[in-house]
Amino acid sequence: MSRRIDYYDDPQAPKANSLVPSVNVAIENDNGEILLICRSDNGNWALPGGAVDLGESVSQAAVRETREETGVECEVMGIVGIYSDPKHLIHYTSNGETRQEFSILLRARQIGGRARVSDESSDVEWIPRSQVAEKKMDRSMRLRLRDYLEYAGQPRIS
């Protein structure tokens, strides 16, 4: 099974060999719960998301990735931030790709579907805001969730 390994400011990390635009999507339901997945490639909890494919917009990628990973249909409402820290590297063991972080965090609302697992998620849950911090996740995802929870209308750019 291929794995995803996140590195931050680690001299032992492999060198970046790609930069791929990607999205993460923060969806909150009417009960104040946030949709999270447990990634099947590393066991960490995360917001749904993934790479933007050629021929699609950032919003289209967000809707597609959310549907693929969670079964939830969503509508993008706005942007929370752009994350491009060159110290954060993501290594995929299946093909040796090591990406420099480049992710756009979007806010969305559920418009249909039901939460279910996929090949990319071993668990999908609506987590109360107060319990999000208890989940095991990479530092970059924790930063994105913090930015979403503290969002005051001004996008973060890093």
C-alpha atoms as a PDB file:
ATOM      1  CA  MET A   1       0.000   0.000   0.000  1.00  0.00           C
ATOM      2  CA  SER A   2       1.312   3.422  -0.894  1.00  0.00           C
ATOM      3  CA  ARG A   3       1.773   5.929   1.886  1.00  0.00           C
ATOM      4  CA  ARG A   4       1.835   9.667   2.272  1.00  0.00           C
ATOM      5  CA  ILE A   5       4.518  11.052   4.576  1.00  0.00           C
ATOM      6  CA  ASP A   6       4.474  14.710   5.629  1.00  0.00           C
ATOM      7  CA  TYR A   7       7.725  16.436   6.545  1.00  0.00           C
ATOM      8  CA  TYR A   8       8.226  19.881   8.024  1.00  0.00           C
ATOM      9  CA  ASP A   9      11.597  21.611   8.029  1.00  0.00           C
ATOM     10  CA  ASP A  10      13.263  18.194   8.127  1.00  0.00           C
ATOM     11  CA  PRO A  11      16.814  17.946   6.713  1.00  0.00           C
ATOM     12  CA  GLN A  12      16.247  14.184   6.238  1.00  0.00           C
ATOM     13  CA  ALA A  13      13.233  14.754   3.976  1.00  0.00           C
ATOM     14  CA  PRO A  14      13.576  13.993   0.274  1.00  0.00           C
ATOM     15  CA  LYS A  15      13.931  17.043  -1.988  1.00  0.00           C
ATOM     16  CA  ALA A  16      10.768  18.436  -3.574  1.00  0.00           C
ATOM     17  CA  ASN A  17      10.308  17.385  -7.199  1.00  0.00           C
ATOM     18  CA  SER A  18       6.815  18.786  -7.868  1.00  0.00           C
ATOM     19  CA  LEU A  19       4.391  21.555  -7.031  1.00  0.00           C
ATOM     20  CA  VAL A  20       0.735  20.609  -7.483  1.00  0.00           C
ATOM     21  CA  PRO A  21      -2.166  22.992  -6.803  1.00  0.00           C
ATOM     22  CA  SER A  22      -4.578  21.347  -4.385  1.00  0.00           C
ATOM     23  CA  VAL A  23      -7.634  22.178  -2.312  1.00  0.00           C
ATOM     24  CA  ASN A  24      -8.976  21.405   1.129  1.00  0.00           C
ATOM     25  CA  VAL A  25     -12.609  21.980   2.002  1.00  0.00           C
ATOM     26  CA  ALA A  26     -14.013  23.029   5.389  1.00  0.00           C
ATOM     27  CA  ILE A  27     -17.694  22.104   5.598  1.00  0.00           C
ATOM     28  CA  GLU A  28     -19.666  22.788   8.741  1.00  0.00           C
ATOM     29  CA  ASN A  29     -23.187  21.495   9.280  1.00  0.00           C
ATOM     30  CA  ASP A  30     -26.073  23.171  11.127  1.00  0.00           C
ATOM     31  CA  ASN A  31     -24.990  21.468  14.372  1.00  0.00           C
ATOM     32  CA  GLY A  32     -21.563  23.151  14.303  1.00  0.00           C
ATOM     33  CA  GLU A  33     -19.776  19.941  13.282  1.00  0.00           C
ATOM     34  CA  ILE A  34     -16.950  19.878  10.750  1.00  0.00           C
ATOM     35  CA  LEU A  35     -16.601  17.142   8.138  1.00  0.00           C
ATOM     36  CA  LEU A  36     -13.287  15.285   8.570  1.00  0.00           C
ATOM     37  CA  ILE A  37     -11.815  12.168   7.010  1.00  0.00           C
ATOM     38  CA  CYS A  38      -9.292   9.732   8.400  1.00  0.00           C
ATOM     39  CA  ARG A  39      -6.845   9.382   5.499  1.00  0.00           C
ATOM     40  CA  SER A  40      -6.275   5.786   4.443  1.00  0.00           C
ATOM     41  CA  ASP A  41      -2.676   6.532   3.345  1.00  0.00           C
ATOM     42  CA  ASN A  42      -1.348   7.787   6.697  1.00  0.00           C
ATOM     43  CA  GLY A  43      -4.045   7.421   9.373  1.00  0.00           C
ATOM     44  CA  ASN A  44      -4.222  11.168  10.016  1.00  0.00           C
ATOM     45  CA  TRP A  45      -7.463  13.120  10.207  1.00  0.00           C
ATOM     46  CA  ALA A  46      -7.897  15.850   7.611  1.00  0.00           C
ATOM     47  CA  LEU A  47     -10.316  18.048   5.771  1.00  0.00           C
ATOM     48  CA  PRO A  48     -11.374  16.486   2.466  1.00  0.00           C
ATOM     49  CA  GLY A  49      -9.366  17.590  -0.548  1.00  0.00           C
ATOM     50  CA  GLY A  50      -6.803  16.826  -3.190  1.00  0.00           C
ATOM     51  CA  ALA A  51      -5.156  17.930  -6.403  1.00  0.00           C
ATOM     52  CA  VAL A  52      -6.744  20.245  -8.945  1.00  0.00           C
ATOM     53  CA  ASP A  53      -6.925  18.320 -12.229  1.00  0.00           C
ATOM     54  CA  LEU A  54      -6.223  19.835 -15.622  1.00  0.00           C
ATOM     55  CA  GLY A  55      -9.428  21.255 -17.094  1.00  0.00           C
ATOM     56  CA  GLU A  56     -11.149  22.000 -13.781  1.00  0.00           C
ATOM     57  CA  SER A  57     -11.386  25.061 -11.577  1.00  0.00           C
ATOM     58  CA  VAL A  58     -10.430  25.220  -7.920  1.00  0.00           C
ATOM     59  CA  SER A  59     -14.141  25.144  -6.974  1.00  0.00           C
ATOM     60  CA  GLN A  60     -14.813  22.159  -9.235  1.00  0.00           C
ATOM     61  CA  ALA A  61     -11.867  20.291  -7.682  1.00  0.00           C
ATOM     62  CA  ALA A  62     -13.196  21.046  -4.185  1.00  0.00           C
ATOM     63  CA  VAL A  63     -16.656  19.688  -5.022  1.00  0.00           C
ATOM     64  CA  ARG A  64     -15.226  16.597  -6.781  1.00  0.00           C
ATOM     65  CA  GLU A  65     -12.699  15.740  -4.062  1.00  0.00           C
ATOM     66  CA  THR A  66     -15.286  16.156  -1.303  1.00  0.00           C
ATOM     67  CA  ARG A  67     -17.737  13.897  -3.144  1.00  0.00           C
ATOM     68  CA  GLU A  68     -15.063  11.267  -3.903  1.00  0.00           C
ATOM     69  CA  GLU A  69     -13.660  11.118  -0.368  1.00  0.00           C
ATOM     70  CA  THR A  70     -16.837  11.582   1.697  1.00  0.00           C
ATOM     71  CA  GLY A  71     -20.000  11.138  -0.379  1.00  0.00           C
ATOM     72  CA  VAL A  72     -21.060  14.678   0.608  1.00  0.00           C
ATOM     73  CA  GLU A  73     -22.144  17.136  -2.082  1.00  0.00           C
ATOM     74  CA  CYS A  74     -21.099  20.713  -1.357  1.00  0.00           C
ATOM     75  CA  GLU A  75     -21.219  24.256  -2.653  1.00  0.00           C
ATOM     76  CA  VAL A  76     -18.127  26.457  -2.264  1.00  0.00           C
ATOM     77  CA  MET A  77     -18.820  29.659  -0.327  1.00  0.00           C
ATOM     78  CA  GLY A  78     -15.407  31.339  -0.124  1.00  0.00           C
ATOM     79  CA  ILE A  79     -11.705  31.126   0.598  1.00  0.00           C
ATOM     80  CA  VAL A  80     -10.064  30.794   4.020  1.00  0.00           C
ATOM     81  CA  GLY A  81      -6.428  30.750   2.958  1.00  0.00           C
ATOM     82  CA  ILE A  82      -3.580  29.744   0.677  1.00  0.00           C
ATOM     83  CA  TYR A  83      -0.803  27.562   2.094  1.00  0.00           C
ATOM     84  CA  SER A  84       2.520  27.329   0.262  1.00  0.00           C
ATOM     85  CA  ASP A  85       5.186  26.843   2.911  1.00  0.00           C
ATOM     86  CA  PRO A  86       8.266  25.389   1.134  1.00  0.00           C
ATOM     87  CA  LYS A  87       9.299  23.759   4.443  1.00  0.00           C
ATOM     88  CA  HIS A  88       6.250  21.451   4.245  1.00  0.00           C
ATOM     89  CA  LEU A  89       6.941  18.521   1.909  1.00  0.00           C
ATOM     90  CA  ILE A  90       4.609  15.647   1.094  1.00  0.00           C
ATOM     91  CA  HIS A  91       6.226  12.392  -0.025  1.00  0.00           C
ATOM     92  CA  TYR A  92       4.204   9.714  -1.838  1.00  0.00           C
ATOM     93  CA  THR A  93       5.894   6.326  -1.564  1.00  0.00           C
ATOM     94  CA  SER A  94       4.000   4.853  -4.536  1.00  0.00           C
ATOM     95  CA  ASN A  95       5.873   6.900  -7.130  1.00  0.00           C
ATOM     96  CA  GLY A  96       8.615   8.824  -5.306  1.00  0.00           C
ATOM     97  CA  GLU A  97       6.887  12.143  -5.814  1.00  0.00           C
ATOM     98  CA  THR A  98       7.712  14.764  -3.183  1.00  0.00           C
ATOM     99  CA  ARG A  99       5.508  17.828  -3.391  1.00  0.00           C
ATOM    100  CA  GLN A 100       6.085  21.251  -1.984  1.00  0.00           C
ATOM    101  CA  GLU A 101       2.883  22.293  -0.206  1.00  0.00           C
ATOM    102  CA  PHE A 102       0.464  24.379  -2.284  1.00  0.00           C
ATOM    103  CA  SER A 103      -3.082  24.170  -1.001  1.00  0.00           C
ATOM    104  CA  ILE A 104      -6.098  26.462  -1.082  1.00  0.00           C
ATOM    105  CA  LEU A 105      -8.513  26.136   1.838  1.00  0.00           C
ATOM    106  CA  LEU A 106     -12.135  26.807   0.915  1.00  0.00           C
ATOM    107  CA  ARG A 107     -15.327  27.147   2.963  1.00  0.00           C
ATOM    108  CA  ALA A 108     -18.343  25.211   1.724  1.00  0.00           C
ATOM    109  CA  ARG A 109     -21.798  24.096   2.734  1.00  0.00           C
ATOM    110  CA  GLN A 110     -23.412  20.708   2.331  1.00  0.00           C
ATOM    111  CA  ILE A 111     -26.124  20.597  -0.320  1.00  0.00           C
ATOM    112  CA  GLY A 112     -26.676  16.833  -0.453  1.00  0.00           C
ATOM    113  CA  GLY A 113     -25.199  13.373  -0.119  1.00  0.00           C
ATOM    114  CA  ARG A 114     -24.379  11.388   2.997  1.00  0.00           C
ATOM    115  CA  ALA A 115     -21.048  10.806   4.717  1.00  0.00           C
ATOM    116  CA  ARG A 116     -19.418   7.493   3.735  1.00  0.00           C
ATOM    117  CA  VAL A 117     -15.877   6.129   3.410  1.00  0.00           C
ATOM    118  CA  SER A 118     -13.939   5.698   0.153  1.00  0.00           C
ATOM    119  CA  ASP A 119     -10.613   4.291  -1.052  1.00  0.00           C
ATOM    120  CA  GLU A 120      -8.977   7.480   0.267  1.00  0.00           C
ATOM    121  CA  SER A 121     -10.733   7.577   3.643  1.00  0.00           C
ATOM    122  CA  SER A 122     -10.932   4.878   6.291  1.00  0.00           C
ATOM    123  CA  ASP A 123     -13.431   6.942   8.306  1.00  0.00           C
ATOM    124  CA  VAL A 124     -15.625   9.994   7.660  1.00  0.00           C
ATOM    125  CA  GLU A 125     -17.213  11.867  10.546  1.00  0.00           C
ATOM    126  CA  TRP A 126     -18.918  15.112  11.430  1.00  0.00           C
ATOM    127  CA  ILE A 127     -16.802  16.282  14.405  1.00  0.00           C
ATOM    128  CA  PRO A 128     -17.977  18.945  16.880  1.00  0.00           C
ATOM    129  CA  ARG A 129     -15.798  22.072  16.782  1.00  0.00           C
ATOM    130  CA  SER A 130     -14.815  21.444  20.402  1.00  0.00           C
ATOM    131  CA  GLN A 131     -13.401  17.990  19.551  1.00  0.00           C
ATOM    132  CA  VAL A 132     -11.463  18.765  16.356  1.00  0.00           C
ATOM    133  CA  ALA A 133      -8.233  19.426  18.283  1.00  0.00           C
ATOM    134  CA  GLU A 134      -8.372  15.916  19.802  1.00  0.00           C
ATOM    135  CA  LYS A 135      -7.896  14.221  16.428  1.00  0.00           C
ATOM    136  CA  LYS A 136      -4.465  13.032  15.241  1.00  0.00           C
ATOM    137  CA  MET A 137      -3.409  15.180  12.272  1.00  0.00           C
ATOM    138  CA  ASP A 138      -0.429  16.732  10.565  1.00  0.00           C
ATOM    139  CA  ARG A 139       0.640  20.183  11.777  1.00  0.00           C
ATOM    140  CA  SER A 140      -0.285  21.797   8.441  1.00  0.00           C
ATOM    141  CA  MET A 141      -3.845  20.447   8.659  1.00  0.00           C
ATOM    142  CA  ARG A 142      -4.095  21.616  12.263  1.00  0.00           C
ATOM    143  CA  LEU A 143      -3.060  25.113  11.091  1.00  0.00           C
ATOM    144  CA  ARG A 144      -5.730  25.102   8.365  1.00  0.00           C
ATOM    145  CA  LEU A 145      -8.419  23.995  10.802  1.00  0.00           C
ATOM    146  CA  ARG A 146      -7.352  26.674  13.282  1.00  0.00           C
ATOM    147  CA  ASP A 147      -7.552  29.288  10.533  1.00  0.00           C
ATOM    148  CA  TYR A 148     -11.034  28.067   9.596  1.00  0.00           C
ATOM    149  CA  LEU A 149     -12.250  28.055  13.207  1.00  0.00           C
ATOM    150  CA  GLU A 150     -10.856  31.561  13.781  1.00  0.00           C
ATOM    151  CA  TYR A 151     -11.833  32.914  10.343  1.00  0.00           C
ATOM    152  CA  ALA A 152     -12.703  36.594  10.509  1.00  0.00           C
ATOM    153  CA  GLY A 153     -13.253  37.327   6.826  1.00  0.00           C
ATOM    154  CA  GLN A 154      -9.634  37.943   5.870  1.00  0.00           C
ATOM    155  CA  PRO A 155      -7.930  35.030   4.051  1.00  0.00           C
ATOM    156  CA  ARG A 156      -4.573  33.804   5.336  1.00  0.00           C
ATOM    157  CA  ILE A 157      -1.727  33.658   2.827  1.00  0.00           C
ATOM    158  CA  SER A 158       1.425  31.770   3.800  1.00  0.00           C
END
